[in-house]
């Protein structure tokens, strides 16, 4: 099993870099372009929400990228987060006959 050793950026930071910092667009304008509320976009940009499939679709349309790219970025971040708790999660493995 491959583990991600470094802390990846929260997906919202990547969106913020591309959408707000590079273009200079306000959060309000960006939210309107995406067809989401300002609150929803702000939560993503500030790391309080992740990229769900619908947002991945919206971002893919806005940036002319794939949905899978955004889902994968979120999955890498989620995998890193949960790997930090791996020692706390106790599971008894299945014993299968050889």
Protein backbone atom coordinates (compact mmCIF):
# COMPACT_ATOMS: atom_id res chain seq x y z
CA UNK A 1 0.00 0.00 0.00
CA UNK A 2 1.42 3.37 -1.03
CA UNK A 3 1.31 6.11 1.58
CA UNK A 4 1.77 9.80 1.02
CA UNK A 5 4.56 10.97 3.30
CA UNK A 6 4.33 14.73 2.75
CA UNK A 7 1.38 16.92 3.63
CA UNK A 8 -0.40 17.76 0.38
CA UNK A 9 -2.11 21.10 -0.02
CA UNK A 10 -5.80 21.16 0.81
CA UNK A 11 -7.64 21.13 -2.54
CA UNK A 12 -9.20 24.47 -1.66
CA UNK A 13 -5.74 26.06 -1.58
CA UNK A 14 -5.16 24.91 -5.16
CA UNK A 15 -8.51 26.33 -6.25
CA UNK A 16 -7.77 29.58 -4.43
CA UNK A 17 -4.36 29.88 -6.10
CA UNK A 18 -5.79 29.37 -9.59
CA UNK A 19 -9.16 31.07 -9.26
CA UNK A 20 -8.64 33.96 -6.87
CA UNK A 21 -4.91 34.70 -6.73
CA UNK A 22 -4.09 34.24 -10.44
CA UNK A 23 -7.20 35.85 -11.93
CA UNK A 24 -7.82 38.41 -9.18
CA UNK A 25 -11.48 37.41 -9.19
CA UNK A 26 -13.44 38.00 -5.99
CA UNK A 27 -14.94 35.05 -4.13
CA UNK A 28 -18.41 36.41 -4.88
CA UNK A 29 -17.77 36.59 -8.63
CA UNK A 30 -16.06 33.20 -8.66
CA UNK A 31 -18.99 31.63 -6.81
CA UNK A 32 -21.42 33.06 -9.36
CA UNK A 33 -19.33 31.68 -12.24
CA UNK A 34 -19.33 28.26 -10.56
CA UNK A 35 -23.04 28.43 -9.78
CA UNK A 36 -22.54 27.92 -6.03
CA UNK A 37 -23.11 30.09 -3.00
CA UNK A 38 -20.35 32.38 -1.79
CA UNK A 39 -20.40 30.47 1.51
CA UNK A 40 -19.88 27.11 -0.20
CA UNK A 41 -16.91 28.40 -2.18
CA UNK A 42 -15.45 30.21 0.81
CA UNK A 43 -15.62 27.02 2.90
CA UNK A 44 -13.68 25.17 0.19
CA UNK A 45 -11.08 27.92 -0.25
CA UNK A 46 -10.49 28.11 3.51
CA UNK A 47 -10.08 24.36 3.95
CA UNK A 48 -13.35 23.79 5.80
CA UNK A 49 -14.91 21.70 3.03
CA UNK A 50 -13.60 19.28 0.46
CA UNK A 51 -14.29 18.82 -3.22
CA UNK A 52 -17.39 16.69 -3.66
CA UNK A 53 -18.23 15.18 -7.08
CA UNK A 54 -20.58 18.03 -8.03
CA UNK A 55 -17.95 20.65 -7.22
CA UNK A 56 -15.39 18.58 -9.15
CA UNK A 57 -17.71 18.77 -12.17
CA UNK A 58 -18.12 22.53 -11.76
CA UNK A 59 -14.37 23.07 -11.40
CA UNK A 60 -13.66 20.84 -14.40
CA UNK A 61 -16.01 22.94 -16.52
CA UNK A 62 -14.56 26.22 -15.24
CA UNK A 63 -10.89 25.24 -15.70
CA UNK A 64 -11.40 22.91 -18.68
CA UNK A 65 -9.93 19.99 -16.75
CA UNK A 66 -11.23 16.55 -15.86
CA UNK A 67 -13.54 15.69 -12.99
CA UNK A 68 -11.14 12.89 -12.11
CA UNK A 69 -8.28 15.34 -11.57
CA UNK A 70 -10.21 17.16 -8.84
CA UNK A 71 -11.48 13.92 -7.29
CA UNK A 72 -7.90 12.57 -7.23
CA UNK A 73 -6.55 15.72 -5.60
CA UNK A 74 -9.20 15.41 -2.90
CA UNK A 75 -8.53 11.66 -2.51
CA UNK A 76 -4.79 12.28 -2.03
CA UNK A 77 -5.53 14.83 0.68
CA UNK A 78 -8.08 12.56 2.38
CA UNK A 79 -5.66 9.62 2.23
CA UNK A 80 -2.93 11.68 3.85
CA UNK A 81 -5.32 12.82 6.60
CA UNK A 82 -6.56 9.33 7.45
CA UNK A 83 -3.05 7.83 7.31
CA UNK A 84 -2.20 10.05 10.29
CA UNK A 85 -4.86 8.14 12.29
CA UNK A 86 -3.95 4.65 11.10
CA UNK A 87 -2.43 3.55 14.41
CA UNK A 88 -5.64 4.54 16.25
CA UNK A 89 -7.90 2.49 14.00
CA UNK A 90 -8.02 -1.12 15.15
CA UNK A 91 -9.22 -3.78 12.73
CA UNK A 92 -8.97 -7.51 13.08
CA UNK A 93 -7.87 -8.88 9.69
CA UNK A 94 -9.67 -11.81 8.07
CA UNK A 95 -7.96 -15.15 8.41
CA UNK A 96 -8.33 -16.84 5.05
CA UNK A 97 -7.34 -20.41 4.35
CA UNK A 98 -4.39 -20.69 1.97
